[in-house]
Amino acid sequence: MNVRLVFAAILASVLGAGCASTGSRAAEQLHLSMIELHDSLQFGDFRIIAQRISPELRTDFLARSYGVEKTLSVLESTTISVEMDQDESRARSLTRLSWYELPSTVVKTDNVFVHWRREGKGWMIERIVGGPLPVPAD
């Protein structure tokens, strides 16, 4: 067996993994914000989501989401794509979301676009298009 070939393959995979992990701080923060959004949707914690929504839209969102945590069940969320502006001040994510809302048990699946704006050290939601709770309201 060619030991040099195996060593070269291992070295290439280690170096490749190291290069892939060197992303920008903004991208890391956006990734964490997206995870928080998806987890909050699945567990019905709309107060956490409201903290990520632009202040001018927050009151409307909280009013519309009141009581929904008892009837809305998000079954699955899969991130399809994420695009960030070159200056890393805005981003847009596309998520495939599956949910049902009681008393119906019919599962709905929709593409949900989330528009993000970077503020300070974090990311705020400017708009959500599609899904069970669009921001601002349709």
C-alpha atoms as a PDB file:
ATOM      1  CA  MET A   1       0.000   0.000   0.000  1.00  0.00           C
ATOM      2  CA  ASN A   2       1.293   3.428  -0.870  1.00  0.00           C
ATOM      3  CA  VAL A   3       1.802   5.158   2.491  1.00  0.00           C
ATOM      4  CA  ARG A   4       2.638   8.497   0.878  1.00  0.00           C
ATOM      5  CA  LEU A   5      -0.659   8.516  -0.999  1.00  0.00           C
ATOM      6  CA  VAL A   6      -2.646   7.796   2.175  1.00  0.00           C
ATOM      7  CA  PHE A   7      -0.700  10.472   4.092  1.00  0.00           C
ATOM      8  CA  ALA A   8      -1.315  13.002   1.304  1.00  0.00           C
ATOM      9  CA  ALA A   9      -5.042  12.252   1.343  1.00  0.00           C
ATOM     10  CA  ILE A  10      -5.238  12.681   5.134  1.00  0.00           C
ATOM     11  CA  LEU A  11      -3.234  15.917   4.988  1.00  0.00           C
ATOM     12  CA  ALA A  12      -5.455  17.308   2.220  1.00  0.00           C
ATOM     13  CA  SER A  13      -8.627  16.509   4.149  1.00  0.00           C
ATOM     14  CA  VAL A  14      -7.304  18.114   7.353  1.00  0.00           C
ATOM     15  CA  LEU A  15      -6.154  21.245   5.533  1.00  0.00           C
ATOM     16  CA  GLY A  16      -9.405  21.418   3.597  1.00  0.00           C
ATOM     17  CA  ALA A  17     -11.431  21.219   6.814  1.00  0.00           C
ATOM     18  CA  GLY A  18      -9.312  23.964   8.356  1.00  0.00           C
ATOM     19  CA  CYS A  19      -9.842  26.269   5.390  1.00  0.00           C
ATOM     20  CA  ALA A  20     -13.569  25.605   5.338  1.00  0.00           C
ATOM     21  CA  SER A  21     -13.907  26.605   8.985  1.00  0.00           C
ATOM     22  CA  THR A  22     -12.383  30.056   8.523  1.00  0.00           C
ATOM     23  CA  GLY A  23     -15.542  32.058   7.900  1.00  0.00           C
ATOM     24  CA  SER A  24     -16.349  35.619   8.815  1.00  0.00           C
ATOM     25  CA  ARG A  25     -17.640  36.554  12.237  1.00  0.00           C
ATOM     26  CA  ALA A  26     -20.806  37.965  10.621  1.00  0.00           C
ATOM     27  CA  ALA A  27     -21.502  34.615   8.950  1.00  0.00           C
ATOM     28  CA  GLU A  28     -21.036  32.767  12.239  1.00  0.00           C
ATOM     29  CA  GLN A  29     -23.430  35.157  14.013  1.00  0.00           C
ATOM     30  CA  LEU A  30     -26.000  34.785  11.233  1.00  0.00           C
ATOM     31  CA  HIS A  31     -25.736  31.009  11.456  1.00  0.00           C
ATOM     32  CA  LEU A  32     -26.383  31.131  15.217  1.00  0.00           C
ATOM     33  CA  SER A  33     -29.336  33.502  14.701  1.00  0.00           C
ATOM     34  CA  MET A  34     -30.839  31.133  12.139  1.00  0.00           C
ATOM     35  CA  ILE A  35     -30.458  28.165  14.494  1.00  0.00           C
ATOM     36  CA  GLU A  36     -32.151  30.181  17.249  1.00  0.00           C
ATOM     37  CA  LEU A  37     -35.014  31.086  14.890  1.00  0.00           C
ATOM     38  CA  HIS A  38     -35.551  27.484  13.761  1.00  0.00           C
ATOM     39  CA  ASP A  39     -35.373  26.115  17.317  1.00  0.00           C
ATOM     40  CA  SER A  40     -37.801  28.773  18.573  1.00  0.00           C
ATOM     41  CA  LEU A  41     -40.245  27.943  15.796  1.00  0.00           C
ATOM     42  CA  GLN A  42     -40.118  24.236  16.564  1.00  0.00           C
ATOM     43  CA  PHE A  43     -40.633  24.792  20.292  1.00  0.00           C
ATOM     44  CA  GLY A  44     -43.250  27.538  19.844  1.00  0.00           C
ATOM     45  CA  ASP A  45     -41.273  30.171  21.744  1.00  0.00           C
ATOM     46  CA  PHE A  46     -42.345  33.284  19.859  1.00  0.00           C
ATOM     47  CA  ARG A  47     -40.914  35.627  22.520  1.00  0.00           C
ATOM     48  CA  ILE A  48     -37.417  34.559  21.473  1.00  0.00           C
ATOM     49  CA  ILE A  49     -38.297  35.171  17.820  1.00  0.00           C
ATOM     50  CA  ALA A  50     -39.713  38.598  18.742  1.00  0.00           C
ATOM     51  CA  GLN A  51     -36.320  39.586  20.175  1.00  0.00           C
ATOM     52  CA  ARG A  52     -34.848  39.088  16.683  1.00  0.00           C
ATOM     53  CA  ILE A  53     -37.567  41.085  14.881  1.00  0.00           C
ATOM     54  CA  SER A  54     -36.994  44.764  14.087  1.00  0.00           C
ATOM     55  CA  PRO A  55     -38.424  46.912  16.896  1.00  0.00           C
ATOM     56  CA  GLU A  56     -40.906  48.679  14.593  1.00  0.00           C
ATOM     57  CA  LEU A  57     -42.505  45.298  13.694  1.00  0.00           C
ATOM     58  CA  ARG A  58     -42.184  43.568  17.060  1.00  0.00           C
ATOM     59  CA  THR A  59     -45.494  44.675  18.617  1.00  0.00           C
ATOM     60  CA  ASP A  60     -47.494  43.557  15.577  1.00  0.00           C
ATOM     61  CA  PHE A  61     -45.714  40.202  15.554  1.00  0.00           C
ATOM     62  CA  LEU A  62     -46.360  39.597  19.257  1.00  0.00           C
ATOM     63  CA  ALA A  63     -50.042  40.518  18.889  1.00  0.00           C
ATOM     64  CA  ARG A  64     -50.495  38.120  15.957  1.00  0.00           C
ATOM     65  CA  SER A  65     -48.535  35.307  17.576  1.00  0.00           C
ATOM     66  CA  TYR A  66     -50.400  35.496  20.900  1.00  0.00           C
ATOM     67  CA  GLY A  67     -51.916  32.083  21.568  1.00  0.00           C
ATOM     68  CA  VAL A  68     -50.456  30.556  18.399  1.00  0.00           C
ATOM     69  CA  GLU A  69     -47.915  28.547  20.387  1.00  0.00           C
ATOM     70  CA  LYS A  70     -50.829  26.350  21.497  1.00  0.00           C
ATOM     71  CA  THR A  71     -52.096  25.615  17.976  1.00  0.00           C
ATOM     72  CA  LEU A  72     -49.061  25.871  15.666  1.00  0.00           C
ATOM     73  CA  SER A  73     -46.692  22.915  15.392  1.00  0.00           C
ATOM     74  CA  VAL A  74     -43.595  23.253  13.242  1.00  0.00           C
ATOM     75  CA  LEU A  75     -42.498  19.787  12.216  1.00  0.00           C
ATOM     76  CA  GLU A  76     -39.414  20.463  10.148  1.00  0.00           C
ATOM     77  CA  SER A  77     -37.236  23.303   8.949  1.00  0.00           C
ATOM     78  CA  THR A  78     -34.508  22.847   6.383  1.00  0.00           C
ATOM     79  CA  THR A  79     -32.227  25.655   5.279  1.00  0.00           C
ATOM     80  CA  ILE A  80     -31.997  25.671   1.500  1.00  0.00           C
ATOM     81  CA  SER A  81     -29.755  28.682   0.908  1.00  0.00           C
ATOM     82  CA  VAL A  82     -28.229  31.737   2.554  1.00  0.00           C
ATOM     83  CA  GLU A  83     -26.953  34.801   0.728  1.00  0.00           C
ATOM     84  CA  MET A  84     -25.077  37.633   2.401  1.00  0.00           C
ATOM     85  CA  ASP A  85     -24.317  41.053   0.903  1.00  0.00           C
ATOM     86  CA  GLN A  86     -20.675  41.753   0.250  1.00  0.00           C
ATOM     87  CA  ASP A  87     -20.509  44.319   3.045  1.00  0.00           C
ATOM     88  CA  GLU A  88     -22.066  41.727   5.405  1.00  0.00           C
ATOM     89  CA  SER A  89     -24.807  44.145   6.530  1.00  0.00           C
ATOM     90  CA  ARG A  90     -27.788  42.243   5.079  1.00  0.00           C
ATOM     91  CA  ALA A  91     -28.599  38.634   4.318  1.00  0.00           C
ATOM     92  CA  ARG A  92     -31.442  36.521   2.993  1.00  0.00           C
ATOM     93  CA  SER A  93     -32.147  32.913   3.890  1.00  0.00           C
ATOM     94  CA  LEU A  94     -34.467  30.413   2.267  1.00  0.00           C
ATOM     95  CA  THR A  95     -35.919  27.702   4.485  1.00  0.00           C
ATOM     96  CA  ARG A  96     -38.349  24.912   3.661  1.00  0.00           C
ATOM     97  CA  LEU A  97     -40.788  24.816   6.569  1.00  0.00           C
ATOM     98  CA  SER A  98     -43.431  22.166   7.340  1.00  0.00           C
ATOM     99  CA  TRP A  99     -46.156  22.814   9.931  1.00  0.00           C
ATOM    100  CA  TYR A 100     -49.773  22.301  10.858  1.00  0.00           C
ATOM    101  CA  GLU A 101     -52.153  24.448  12.846  1.00  0.00           C
ATOM    102  CA  LEU A 102     -54.816  22.856  15.030  1.00  0.00           C
ATOM    103  CA  PRO A 103     -57.638  21.953  14.729  1.00  0.00           C
ATOM    104  CA  SER A 104     -56.434  20.915  11.259  1.00  0.00           C
ATOM    105  CA  THR A 105     -53.873  18.144  11.012  1.00  0.00           C
ATOM    106  CA  VAL A 106     -53.073  18.818   7.379  1.00  0.00           C
ATOM    107  CA  VAL A 107     -49.336  19.426   7.040  1.00  0.00           C
ATOM    108  CA  LYS A 108     -48.409  22.468   4.997  1.00  0.00           C
ATOM    109  CA  THR A 109     -44.986  22.999   3.473  1.00  0.00           C
ATOM    110  CA  ASP A 110     -43.796  26.346   2.200  1.00  0.00           C
ATOM    111  CA  ASN A 111     -40.632  28.140   1.223  1.00  0.00           C
ATOM    112  CA  VAL A 112     -39.938  30.837   3.797  1.00  0.00           C
ATOM    113  CA  PHE A 113     -37.676  33.772   2.976  1.00  0.00           C
ATOM    114  CA  VAL A 114     -36.154  35.597   5.947  1.00  0.00           C
ATOM    115  CA  HIS A 115     -34.535  38.977   5.325  1.00  0.00           C
ATOM    116  CA  TRP A 116     -31.881  39.795   7.922  1.00  0.00           C
ATOM    117  CA  ARG A 117     -30.148  43.064   8.850  1.00  0.00           C
ATOM    118  CA  ARG A 118     -26.952  43.189  10.873  1.00  0.00           C
ATOM    119  CA  GLU A 119     -27.151  45.445  13.893  1.00  0.00           C
ATOM    120  CA  GLY A 120     -24.173  45.800  16.170  1.00  0.00           C
ATOM    121  CA  LYS A 121     -23.016  42.308  17.010  1.00  0.00           C
ATOM    122  CA  GLY A 122     -26.205  40.495  16.019  1.00  0.00           C
ATOM    123  CA  TRP A 123     -28.769  39.969  13.275  1.00  0.00           C
ATOM    124  CA  MET A 124     -32.343  41.285  13.242  1.00  0.00           C
ATOM    125  CA  ILE A 125     -35.236  40.035  11.108  1.00  0.00           C
ATOM    126  CA  GLU A 126     -36.546  42.713   8.747  1.00  0.00           C
ATOM    127  CA  ARG A 127     -39.091  40.578   6.986  1.00  0.00           C
ATOM    128  CA  ILE A 128     -40.414  37.024   6.728  1.00  0.00           C
ATOM    129  CA  VAL A 129     -42.153  36.053   3.495  1.00  0.00           C
ATOM    130  CA  GLY A 130     -44.193  32.850   3.504  1.00  0.00           C
ATOM    131  CA  GLY A 131     -44.918  30.385   6.251  1.00  0.00           C
ATOM    132  CA  PRO A 132     -47.372  30.557   9.117  1.00  0.00           C
ATOM    133  CA  LEU A 133     -46.254  33.940  10.573  1.00  0.00           C
ATOM    134  CA  PRO A 134     -45.122  36.429   7.945  1.00  0.00           C
ATOM    135  CA  VAL A 135     -43.498  39.697   9.058  1.00  0.00           C
ATOM    136  CA  PRO A 136     -44.942  42.241   8.466  1.00  0.00           C
ATOM    137  CA  ALA A 137     -48.476  40.908   8.318  1.00  0.00           C
ATOM    138  CA  ASP A 138     -49.825  40.226   4.823  1.00  0.00           C
END
